Protein backbone atom coordinates (compact mmCIF):
# COMPACT_ATOMS: atom_id res chain seq x y z
CA MET A 1 11.17 -38.07 20.58
CA ILE A 2 10.54 -35.47 17.95
CA ASP A 3 8.37 -36.78 14.93
CA VAL A 4 10.17 -35.09 12.03
CA GLN A 5 7.38 -36.26 9.56
CA LYS A 6 4.95 -34.20 11.39
CA ILE A 7 7.04 -31.01 11.10
CA ILE A 8 7.54 -31.49 7.46
CA GLU A 9 4.06 -32.10 6.79
CA LYS A 10 3.44 -28.73 8.73
CA GLU A 11 6.17 -26.91 6.78
CA THR A 12 7.55 -26.50 3.37
CA ILE A 13 11.13 -25.32 2.73
CA VAL A 14 11.62 -22.79 0.37
CA PRO A 15 15.00 -22.18 -0.88
CA VAL A 16 15.31 -18.24 -1.44
CA ARG A 17 18.73 -17.09 -2.77
CA PHE A 18 20.30 -13.51 -1.31
CA PRO A 19 23.30 -11.48 -2.57
CA LYS A 20 25.69 -11.29 0.25
CA HIS A 21 25.04 -7.93 0.98
CA ALA A 22 21.36 -8.33 1.51
CA LEU A 23 21.98 -11.45 3.93
CA GLN A 24 24.25 -8.88 6.43
CA LYS A 25 21.43 -6.68 6.14
CA ILE A 26 19.03 -9.51 7.00
CA ASP A 27 21.32 -10.60 9.77
CA GLU A 28 21.74 -7.07 10.82
CA ALA A 29 18.37 -6.53 11.26
CA ALA A 30 17.45 -9.67 12.97
CA LYS A 31 20.07 -9.18 15.60
CA ARG A 32 18.62 -5.79 16.17
CA VAL A 33 14.83 -6.97 16.50
CA GLY A 34 16.37 -9.78 18.65
CA ALA A 35 14.69 -12.57 16.28
CA LYS A 36 15.73 -16.42 16.74
CA SER A 37 17.27 -16.77 13.96
CA ARG A 38 17.65 -15.29 10.19
CA SER A 39 15.13 -18.15 9.03
CA ALA A 40 12.76 -16.83 12.02
CA PHE A 41 13.25 -12.82 10.80
CA ILE A 42 12.79 -13.51 7.06
CA ARG A 43 9.55 -15.83 8.16
CA GLU A 44 8.17 -12.99 10.15
CA ALA A 45 8.89 -10.34 7.81
CA THR A 46 7.11 -12.59 4.81
CA GLU A 47 3.84 -12.69 6.89
CA LYS A 48 4.12 -8.92 7.98
CA TYR A 49 4.13 -8.30 4.15
CA VAL A 50 1.85 -10.41 3.05
CA GLN A 51 -0.64 -9.21 5.55
CA GLU A 52 -0.05 -5.83 4.51
CA VAL A 53 -0.47 -6.82 0.71
CA GLY A 54 -3.79 -8.59 1.36
CA GLY A 55 -4.70 -5.36 3.30
CA LEU A 56 -4.42 -2.92 0.17
CA LYS A 57 -7.72 -2.01 -1.85
CA VAL A 58 -7.29 -2.08 -5.75
CA ILE A 59 -8.97 0.94 -6.64
CA GLU A 60 -10.67 0.94 -10.23
CA ILE A 61 -10.46 4.50 -11.79
CA ARG A 62 -13.70 5.14 -13.37
CA GLU A 63 -13.48 6.04 -17.06
CA ASN A 64 -15.01 8.61 -19.08
CA VAL A 65 -15.71 10.88 -16.49
CA SER A 66 -15.92 14.58 -17.88
CA MET A 67 -14.26 17.67 -16.27
CA GLU A 68 -17.82 19.14 -14.89
CA GLU A 69 -18.76 15.60 -13.48
CA ALA A 70 -15.53 15.51 -11.51
CA ARG A 71 -15.96 19.16 -10.66
CA THR A 72 -19.36 18.53 -9.02
CA GLU A 73 -18.26 15.26 -7.34
CA ILE A 74 -14.98 17.11 -6.05
CA LEU A 75 -16.86 20.31 -4.89
CA THR A 76 -19.28 17.74 -2.95
CA TYR A 77 -16.54 15.88 -1.73
CA LEU A 78 -14.93 18.87 -0.30
CA SER A 79 -17.87 20.19 1.40
CA GLU A 80 -17.98 16.98 3.34
CA HIS A 81 -14.48 17.17 4.23
CA ASN A 82 -12.46 20.10 6.47
CA GLU A 83 -9.52 19.30 4.21
CA ALA A 84 -8.29 16.54 1.86
CA GLU A 85 -5.26 15.61 -0.21
CA THR A 86 -5.48 15.25 -4.03
CA PHE A 87 -4.39 11.64 -3.66
CA ASP A 88 -7.47 10.91 -1.48
CA ILE A 89 -9.87 12.56 -3.05
CA ALA A 90 -8.68 10.81 -6.55
CA ASN A 91 -8.72 7.58 -4.72
CA ASP A 92 -12.18 8.02 -2.98
CA LEU A 93 -14.04 9.44 -5.78
CA ARG A 94 -11.89 6.98 -8.13
CA LEU A 95 -11.12 9.56 -10.70
CA ASP A 96 -8.00 9.80 -12.81
CA LEU A 97 -5.33 11.62 -10.81
CA ASP A 98 -4.46 14.28 -13.70
CA LEU A 99 -8.24 14.83 -13.96
CA THR A 100 -8.49 15.58 -10.20
CA VAL A 101 -5.29 17.67 -10.65
CA LYS A 102 -6.61 19.99 -13.52
CA VAL A 103 -10.17 20.21 -11.83
CA LEU A 104 -8.37 21.29 -8.36
CA LYS A 105 -6.48 23.61 -10.42
CA LYS A 106 -9.59 25.44 -11.94
CA LEU A 107 -11.19 25.34 -8.63
CA TRP A 108 -8.53 27.14 -7.33
CA GLU A 109 -8.01 29.55 -10.17
CA GLU A 110 -11.84 30.71 -9.56
CA GLY A 111 -11.02 31.02 -5.61
CA LYS A 112 -13.40 27.98 -4.69
CA VAL A 113 -10.53 25.99 -2.99
CA SER A 114 -7.45 27.05 -1.29
């Protein structure tokens, strides 16, 4: 015999509302991946999303970095990397994206980057 009390203690029911069109998409996706049920699909999707968000790192942009400081750091960064995307440079150095773009544009105009 199934002990309902133990099941209730392990899981909490969370009522969630979805518009009909969203439920249709969920049902289609659940069927496509062979989920046991809509609920199982939603639980699995939620777990994956929670893991993904938990793995995100928060980048705190450094304030008051001058163009000259950014230029020096970016040149050093580029000397250590064969190639790099603007976004990666900004993130890795914790620089403001606009500042990074300005410095890279200036370096490009000077022929220091291509």
